[in-house]
Amino acid sequence: MNKELHYILREPLVEIKNPPVLFLLHGYGSNEQDLFSFAPHLPKELLIVSLQAPISMGFGSYTWFEINFDAPSGLRNNIQQAKQALKQTENLIKEISIKHKVDAKKRFLLGFSQGAFLSYLYAFKNPDFIKNYVCLSGYLTEDLLKDFAVKDRYPELDFFTSHGTQDQIIPIERAREIPKILDKYQVNYIFKEYPVGHGVSHQNFEDFKNWITNRL
C-alpha cells in the first residue's frame, strides 16, 4: 500500500480567494479519472480533487480495500485496510484544504460505491471537518459504523444519497437500510432512487449537482 495517495485536481474556473472544494472517491476497480469526468459540468467556483485508491489491482484499476465477494454472509470488507485508507484520505484532504486555502464551511465529499462507503466512515469520524456528502450507489452497515462514530448524534451532517433500483452489484434492498441508520444518528439527508443499475444516470447527476449548488 502506498504511503501517499495520488490525486488530480481542477482549479476553480473563476477567480476566488477561498474556494469551496469537492473531493471525489471512486469505486472498486476504478481510478481517479472516473468521477473526474463530472468536473467540466460542475459549478465553476469549485476546486475539484479526485483521489486514487491506494491498492493497485493492475491495468489501471485500484481499490480502497479488498473485498471478499464469496463470503458466506455476502460481501466482506477488509476493515483493517479500510481504516488505513481512511487515515490516508483524512491526511490528504487536510493537506489540500490548507494548501489551497479552501472555504472551511464549504467542503464536500462525493463517493461512488466503495468510495461512498468510505465517505460514510469519513463523515461519522470527522463531522466537524466536512459536513456535506454525496454518496452514490453505496452501502453502510451499523455494525461497522459503530467503530468509526465518535458521538451519538450528527445534526450538522448533510447527505445526498442515491441508488439504482436495478443495481445488481449492491441490491437496492441493502441501500434502503441506509436511511434507517442515518435516522438513528439524526443526520440530515435526502435519499433518492433511480431506475438504473450500478451507475449514475443523467437525472441522478443533475439532482446531486443542484444539491451541491444550493449549498455553495
C-alpha atoms as a PDB file:
ATOM      1  CA  MET A   1       0.000   0.000   0.000  1.00  0.00           C
ATOM      2  CA  ASN A   2       1.366   3.400  -0.961  1.00  0.00           C
ATOM      3  CA  LYS A   3       2.205   5.871   1.816  1.00  0.00           C
ATOM      4  CA  GLU A   4       0.691   8.781  -0.084  1.00  0.00           C
ATOM      5  CA  LEU A   5      -2.390   8.890  -2.287  1.00  0.00           C
ATOM      6  CA  HIS A   6      -2.188  10.103  -5.857  1.00  0.00           C
ATOM      7  CA  TYR A   7      -4.716  12.732  -6.926  1.00  0.00           C
ATOM      8  CA  ILE A   8      -5.656  15.062  -9.758  1.00  0.00           C
ATOM      9  CA  LEU A   9      -7.444  18.385  -9.464  1.00  0.00           C
ATOM     10  CA  ARG A  10      -9.265  21.104 -11.313  1.00  0.00           C
ATOM     11  CA  GLU A  11      -8.655  24.617 -10.122  1.00  0.00           C
ATOM     12  CA  PRO A  12     -11.703  26.922  -9.898  1.00  0.00           C
ATOM     13  CA  LEU A  13     -12.624  28.339 -13.296  1.00  0.00           C
ATOM     14  CA  VAL A  14     -13.323  31.747 -11.769  1.00  0.00           C
ATOM     15  CA  GLU A  15     -11.106  33.894  -9.574  1.00  0.00           C
ATOM     16  CA  ILE A  16     -11.899  33.178  -5.941  1.00  0.00           C
ATOM     17  CA  LYS A  17      -9.794  33.665  -2.803  1.00  0.00           C
ATOM     18  CA  ASN A  18     -11.124  30.824  -0.649  1.00  0.00           C
ATOM     19  CA  PRO A  19     -12.764  28.317  -2.970  1.00  0.00           C
ATOM     20  CA  PRO A  20     -15.291  25.680  -1.972  1.00  0.00           C
ATOM     21  CA  VAL A  21     -13.878  22.204  -2.542  1.00  0.00           C
ATOM     22  CA  LEU A  22     -15.279  18.890  -3.736  1.00  0.00           C
ATOM     23  CA  PHE A  23     -13.288  15.718  -3.046  1.00  0.00           C
ATOM     24  CA  LEU A  24     -14.039  12.595  -5.120  1.00  0.00           C
ATOM     25  CA  LEU A  25     -13.602   8.951  -4.065  1.00  0.00           C
ATOM     26  CA  HIS A  26     -14.024   6.416  -6.879  1.00  0.00           C
ATOM     27  CA  GLY A  27     -15.396   2.892  -6.644  1.00  0.00           C
ATOM     28  CA  TYR A  28     -13.844  -0.575  -6.525  1.00  0.00           C
ATOM     29  CA  GLY A  29     -11.642  -1.376  -9.513  1.00  0.00           C
ATOM     30  CA  SER A  30     -11.695   2.150 -10.928  1.00  0.00           C
ATOM     31  CA  ASN A  31      -9.283   5.085 -10.687  1.00  0.00           C
ATOM     32  CA  GLU A  32      -9.089   8.847 -10.135  1.00  0.00           C
ATOM     33  CA  GLN A  33     -10.105   9.628 -13.726  1.00  0.00           C
ATOM     34  CA  ASP A  34     -13.563   8.079 -13.401  1.00  0.00           C
ATOM     35  CA  LEU A  35     -15.518  10.565 -11.267  1.00  0.00           C
ATOM     36  CA  PHE A  36     -13.301  13.384 -12.543  1.00  0.00           C
ATOM     37  CA  SER A  37     -15.412  13.223 -15.723  1.00  0.00           C
ATOM     38  CA  PHE A  38     -18.060  15.118 -13.719  1.00  0.00           C
ATOM     39  CA  ALA A  39     -15.728  18.103 -13.301  1.00  0.00           C
ATOM     40  CA  PRO A  40     -16.496  20.031 -16.548  1.00  0.00           C
ATOM     41  CA  HIS A  41     -20.186  20.041 -15.659  1.00  0.00           C
ATOM     42  CA  LEU A  42     -19.967  21.155 -12.045  1.00  0.00           C
ATOM     43  CA  PRO A  43     -20.013  24.743 -10.670  1.00  0.00           C
ATOM     44  CA  LYS A  44     -17.071  26.857 -11.855  1.00  0.00           C
ATOM     45  CA  GLU A  45     -16.141  28.123  -8.396  1.00  0.00           C
ATOM     46  CA  LEU A  46     -15.368  24.621  -7.109  1.00  0.00           C
ATOM     47  CA  LEU A  47     -11.874  23.305  -6.551  1.00  0.00           C
ATOM     48  CA  ILE A  48     -12.347  19.637  -7.542  1.00  0.00           C
ATOM     49  CA  VAL A  49      -9.942  16.981  -6.262  1.00  0.00           C
ATOM     50  CA  SER A  50     -10.164  13.329  -7.328  1.00  0.00           C
ATOM     51  CA  LEU A  51      -8.251  10.840  -5.189  1.00  0.00           C
ATOM     52  CA  GLN A  52      -6.908   7.490  -6.366  1.00  0.00           C
ATOM     53  CA  ALA A  53      -7.266   4.499  -4.048  1.00  0.00           C
ATOM     54  CA  PRO A  54      -4.005   3.093  -2.645  1.00  0.00           C
ATOM     55  CA  ILE A  55      -4.187  -0.583  -3.615  1.00  0.00           C
ATOM     56  CA  SER A  56      -3.394  -1.448  -7.225  1.00  0.00           C
ATOM     57  CA  MET A  57      -5.373  -4.234  -8.898  1.00  0.00           C
ATOM     58  CA  GLY A  58      -3.387  -3.906 -12.135  1.00  0.00           C
ATOM     59  CA  PHE A  59      -4.317  -2.436 -15.528  1.00  0.00           C
ATOM     60  CA  GLY A  60      -5.219   0.985 -14.112  1.00  0.00           C
ATOM     61  CA  SER A  61      -7.625  -0.403 -11.510  1.00  0.00           C
ATOM     62  CA  TYR A  62      -7.457   0.447  -7.819  1.00  0.00           C
ATOM     63  CA  THR A  63      -9.329  -0.311  -4.621  1.00  0.00           C
ATOM     64  CA  TRP A  64      -9.540   1.389  -1.221  1.00  0.00           C
ATOM     65  CA  PHE A  65      -9.616  -2.021   0.446  1.00  0.00           C
ATOM     66  CA  GLU A  66     -10.027  -5.628  -0.606  1.00  0.00           C
ATOM     67  CA  ILE A  67     -13.480  -7.189  -0.752  1.00  0.00           C
ATOM     68  CA  ASN A  68     -14.288 -10.896  -0.434  1.00  0.00           C
ATOM     69  CA  PHE A  69     -17.192 -11.396  -2.836  1.00  0.00           C
ATOM     70  CA  ASP A  70     -17.615 -15.067  -1.868  1.00  0.00           C
ATOM     71  CA  ALA A  71     -18.047 -14.621   1.866  1.00  0.00           C
ATOM     72  CA  PRO A  72     -20.945 -16.695   3.304  1.00  0.00           C
ATOM     73  CA  SER A  73     -22.629 -13.550   4.644  1.00  0.00           C
ATOM     74  CA  GLY A  74     -22.249 -11.683   1.351  1.00  0.00           C
ATOM     75  CA  LEU A  75     -19.624  -9.028   0.600  1.00  0.00           C
ATOM     76  CA  ARG A  76     -16.965  -8.920   3.283  1.00  0.00           C
ATOM     77  CA  ASN A  77     -14.762  -5.846   3.607  1.00  0.00           C
ATOM     78  CA  ASN A  78     -11.149  -5.851   4.787  1.00  0.00           C
ATOM     79  CA  ILE A  79     -11.728  -3.401   7.629  1.00  0.00           C
ATOM     80  CA  GLN A  80      -8.059  -3.012   8.549  1.00  0.00           C
ATOM     81  CA  GLN A  81      -7.309  -1.859   5.007  1.00  0.00           C
ATOM     82  CA  ALA A  82     -10.384   0.395   5.102  1.00  0.00           C
ATOM     83  CA  LYS A  83      -9.084   2.049   8.275  1.00  0.00           C
ATOM     84  CA  GLN A  84      -5.692   2.601   6.666  1.00  0.00           C
ATOM     85  CA  ALA A  85      -7.266   4.059   3.515  1.00  0.00           C
ATOM     86  CA  LEU A  86      -9.458   6.307   5.640  1.00  0.00           C
ATOM     87  CA  LYS A  87      -6.424   7.630   7.512  1.00  0.00           C
ATOM     88  CA  GLN A  88      -4.602   8.338   4.249  1.00  0.00           C
ATOM     89  CA  THR A  89      -7.696  10.093   2.907  1.00  0.00           C
ATOM     90  CA  GLU A  90      -8.032  12.209   6.045  1.00  0.00           C
ATOM     91  CA  ASN A  91      -4.407  13.302   5.836  1.00  0.00           C
ATOM     92  CA  LEU A  92      -4.581  14.238   2.163  1.00  0.00           C
ATOM     93  CA  ILE A  93      -7.876  16.118   2.499  1.00  0.00           C
ATOM     94  CA  LYS A  94      -6.436  18.210   5.342  1.00  0.00           C
ATOM     95  CA  GLU A  95      -3.241  18.843   3.402  1.00  0.00           C
ATOM     96  CA  ILE A  96      -5.082  20.019   0.292  1.00  0.00           C
ATOM     97  CA  SER A  97      -7.515  22.130   2.316  1.00  0.00           C
ATOM     98  CA  ILE A  98      -4.618  24.013   3.896  1.00  0.00           C
ATOM     99  CA  LYS A  99      -2.560  24.294   0.713  1.00  0.00           C
ATOM    100  CA  HIS A 100      -5.410  25.759  -1.338  1.00  0.00           C
ATOM    101  CA  LYS A 101      -6.933  27.813   1.488  1.00  0.00           C
ATOM    102  CA  VAL A 102     -10.399  26.404   0.870  1.00  0.00           C
ATOM    103  CA  ASP A 103     -13.582  27.710   2.438  1.00  0.00           C
ATOM    104  CA  ALA A 104     -13.873  25.687   5.651  1.00  0.00           C
ATOM    105  CA  LYS A 105     -17.674  25.963   5.565  1.00  0.00           C
ATOM    106  CA  LYS A 106     -17.974  24.665   2.007  1.00  0.00           C
ATOM    107  CA  ARG A 107     -16.168  21.359   1.846  1.00  0.00           C
ATOM    108  CA  PHE A 108     -17.881  18.464   0.025  1.00  0.00           C
ATOM    109  CA  LEU A 109     -17.012  14.771  -0.260  1.00  0.00           C
ATOM    110  CA  LEU A 110     -18.507  12.626  -3.034  1.00  0.00           C
ATOM    111  CA  GLY A 111     -18.077   8.869  -3.197  1.00  0.00           C
ATOM    112  CA  PHE A 112     -19.333   6.167  -5.530  1.00  0.00           C
ATOM    113  CA  SER A 113     -19.912   2.554  -4.407  1.00  0.00           C
ATOM    114  CA  GLN A 114     -16.880   1.597  -2.283  1.00  0.00           C
ATOM    115  CA  GLY A 115     -15.951   5.282  -2.291  1.00  0.00           C
ATOM    116  CA  ALA A 116     -19.401   6.060  -0.868  1.00  0.00           C
ATOM    117  CA  PHE A 117     -18.829   3.537   1.926  1.00  0.00           C
ATOM    118  CA  LEU A 118     -15.535   5.242   2.761  1.00  0.00           C
ATOM    119  CA  SER A 119     -17.295   8.630   2.642  1.00  0.00           C
ATOM    120  CA  TYR A 120     -19.803   7.480   5.275  1.00  0.00           C
ATOM    121  CA  LEU A 121     -16.956   6.370   7.538  1.00  0.00           C
ATOM    122  CA  TYR A 122     -15.158   9.686   6.999  1.00  0.00           C
ATOM    123  CA  ALA A 123     -18.308  11.642   7.861  1.00  0.00           C
ATOM    124  CA  PHE A 124     -19.007   9.920  11.154  1.00  0.00           C
ATOM    125  CA  LYS A 125     -15.368  10.129  12.193  1.00  0.00           C
ATOM    126  CA  ASN A 126     -14.788  13.746  11.060  1.00  0.00           C
ATOM    127  CA  PRO A 127     -18.143  15.543  11.378  1.00  0.00           C
ATOM    128  CA  ASP A 128     -16.556  18.918  12.090  1.00  0.00           C
ATOM    129  CA  PHE A 129     -14.257  18.935   9.064  1.00  0.00           C
ATOM    130  CA  ILE A 130     -16.599  18.086   6.189  1.00  0.00           C
ATOM    131  CA  LYS A 131     -20.344  18.462   6.641  1.00  0.00           C
ATOM    132  CA  ASN A 132     -21.660  17.894   3.097  1.00  0.00           C
ATOM    133  CA  TYR A 133     -21.660  14.447   1.428  1.00  0.00           C
ATOM    134  CA  VAL A 134     -22.848  12.898  -1.823  1.00  0.00           C
ATOM    135  CA  CYS A 135     -22.968   9.091  -1.567  1.00  0.00           C
ATOM    136  CA  LEU A 136     -23.874   7.298  -4.805  1.00  0.00           C
ATOM    137  CA  SER A 137     -24.664   3.578  -5.140  1.00  0.00           C
ATOM    138  CA  GLY A 138     -23.036   2.882  -1.800  1.00  0.00           C
ATOM    139  CA  TYR A 139     -23.632   0.771   1.270  1.00  0.00           C
ATOM    140  CA  LEU A 140     -23.373   1.058   5.031  1.00  0.00           C
ATOM    141  CA  THR A 141     -23.889  -1.267   7.977  1.00  0.00           C
ATOM    142  CA  GLU A 142     -24.424  -0.150  11.534  1.00  0.00           C
ATOM    143  CA  ASP A 143     -22.150  -2.829  12.995  1.00  0.00           C
ATOM    144  CA  LEU A 144     -19.228  -1.326  11.049  1.00  0.00           C
ATOM    145  CA  LEU A 145     -20.199   2.273  11.620  1.00  0.00           C
ATOM    146  CA  LYS A 146     -20.084   1.962  15.394  1.00  0.00           C
ATOM    147  CA  ASP A 147     -16.308   1.517  15.150  1.00  0.00           C
ATOM    148  CA  PHE A 148     -15.984   4.927  13.480  1.00  0.00           C
ATOM    149  CA  ALA A 149     -18.740   7.056  15.027  1.00  0.00           C
ATOM    150  CA  VAL A 150     -17.435   9.498  17.632  1.00  0.00           C
ATOM    151  CA  LYS A 151     -20.807  10.532  19.046  1.00  0.00           C
ATOM    152  CA  ASP A 152     -24.491   9.578  19.066  1.00  0.00           C
ATOM    153  CA  ARG A 153     -25.993  12.494  17.117  1.00  0.00           C
ATOM    154  CA  TYR A 154     -24.895  14.228  13.922  1.00  0.00           C
ATOM    155  CA  PRO A 155     -27.372  17.016  13.111  1.00  0.00           C
ATOM    156  CA  GLU A 156     -24.577  19.044  11.466  1.00  0.00           C
ATOM    157  CA  LEU A 157     -24.069  16.461   8.696  1.00  0.00           C
ATOM    158  CA  ASP A 158     -25.916  16.750   5.392  1.00  0.00           C
ATOM    159  CA  PHE A 159     -26.158  13.915   2.853  1.00  0.00           C
ATOM    160  CA  PHE A 160     -27.407  13.404  -0.683  1.00  0.00           C
ATOM    161  CA  THR A 161     -27.559   9.632  -1.062  1.00  0.00           C
ATOM    162  CA  SER A 162     -28.931   7.681  -4.032  1.00  0.00           C
ATOM    163  CA  HIS A 163     -29.128   4.232  -5.540  1.00  0.00           C
ATOM    164  CA  GLY A 164     -30.294   2.406  -8.647  1.00  0.00           C
ATOM    165  CA  THR A 165     -33.321   0.149  -8.252  1.00  0.00           C
ATOM    166  CA  GLN A 166     -31.786  -2.284 -10.775  1.00  0.00           C
ATOM    167  CA  ASP A 167     -28.355  -2.402  -9.152  1.00  0.00           C
ATOM    168  CA  GLN A 168     -27.011  -5.978  -9.402  1.00  0.00           C
ATOM    169  CA  ILE A 169     -23.775  -5.224  -7.524  1.00  0.00           C
ATOM    170  CA  ILE A 170     -25.285  -3.685  -4.388  1.00  0.00           C
ATOM    171  CA  PRO A 171     -29.002  -4.562  -4.269  1.00  0.00           C
ATOM    172  CA  ILE A 172     -31.458  -1.730  -3.638  1.00  0.00           C
ATOM    173  CA  GLU A 173     -32.702  -3.575  -0.532  1.00  0.00           C
ATOM    174  CA  ARG A 174     -29.314  -3.061   1.052  1.00  0.00           C
ATOM    175  CA  ALA A 175     -29.307   0.630   0.176  1.00  0.00           C
ATOM    176  CA  ARG A 176     -32.748   1.089   1.730  1.00  0.00           C
ATOM    177  CA  GLU A 177     -31.208   0.259   5.101  1.00  0.00           C
ATOM    178  CA  ILE A 178     -29.066   3.410   4.946  1.00  0.00           C
ATOM    179  CA  PRO A 179     -31.852   5.926   5.775  1.00  0.00           C
ATOM    180  CA  LYS A 180     -32.690   3.901   8.896  1.00  0.00           C
ATOM    181  CA  ILE A 181     -29.084   4.246  10.093  1.00  0.00           C
ATOM    182  CA  LEU A 182     -28.965   7.956   9.266  1.00  0.00           C
ATOM    183  CA  ASP A 183     -32.247   8.485  11.128  1.00  0.00           C
ATOM    184  CA  LYS A 184     -30.812   6.803  14.203  1.00  0.00           C
ATOM    185  CA  TYR A 185     -27.882   9.234  14.232  1.00  0.00           C
ATOM    186  CA  GLN A 186     -30.174  12.208  13.482  1.00  0.00           C
ATOM    187  CA  VAL A 187     -28.408  13.038  10.213  1.00  0.00           C
ATOM    188  CA  ASN A 188     -29.930  15.377   7.629  1.00  0.00           C
ATOM    189  CA  TYR A 189     -30.278  13.567   4.308  1.00  0.00           C
ATOM    190  CA  ILE A 190     -32.073  13.127   1.001  1.00  0.00           C
ATOM    191  CA  PHE A 191     -32.418   9.555  -0.266  1.00  0.00           C
ATOM    192  CA  LYS A 192     -33.365   9.031  -3.919  1.00  0.00           C
ATOM    193  CA  GLU A 193     -33.835   6.004  -6.139  1.00  0.00           C
ATOM    194  CA  TYR A 194     -33.384   5.869  -9.910  1.00  0.00           C
ATOM    195  CA  PRO A 195     -34.402   3.138 -12.416  1.00  0.00           C
ATOM    196  CA  VAL A 196     -30.794   2.228 -13.315  1.00  0.00           C
ATOM    197  CA  GLY A 197     -28.131  -0.325 -12.444  1.00  0.00           C
ATOM    198  CA  HIS A 198     -24.818   0.273 -10.677  1.00  0.00           C
ATOM    199  CA  GLY A 199     -24.142   3.694 -12.121  1.00  0.00           C
ATOM    200  CA  VAL A 200     -25.171   7.347 -12.199  1.00  0.00           C
ATOM    201  CA  SER A 201     -27.998   8.395 -14.500  1.00  0.00           C
ATOM    202  CA  HIS A 202     -28.272  11.864 -16.035  1.00  0.00           C
ATOM    203  CA  GLN A 203     -31.133  12.723 -13.665  1.00  0.00           C
ATOM    204  CA  ASN A 204     -29.118  11.493 -10.691  1.00  0.00           C
ATOM    205  CA  PHE A 205     -26.227  13.726 -11.734  1.00  0.00           C
ATOM    206  CA  GLU A 206     -28.472  16.765 -12.186  1.00  0.00           C
ATOM    207  CA  ASP A 207     -30.080  16.184  -8.798  1.00  0.00           C
ATOM    208  CA  PHE A 208     -26.839  15.994  -6.825  1.00  0.00           C
ATOM    209  CA  LYS A 209     -25.340  18.841  -8.848  1.00  0.00           C
ATOM    210  CA  ASN A 210     -28.288  21.052  -7.831  1.00  0.00           C
ATOM    211  CA  TRP A 211     -27.928  19.834  -4.254  1.00  0.00           C
ATOM    212  CA  ILE A 212     -24.288  20.952  -4.205  1.00  0.00           C
ATOM    213  CA  THR A 213     -25.045  24.253  -5.969  1.00  0.00           C
ATOM    214  CA  ASN A 214     -27.693  25.114  -3.387  1.00  0.00           C
ATOM    215  CA  ARG A 215     -25.089  24.742  -0.633  1.00  0.00           C
ATOM    216  CA  LEU A 216     -22.402  26.912  -2.200  1.00  0.00           C
END
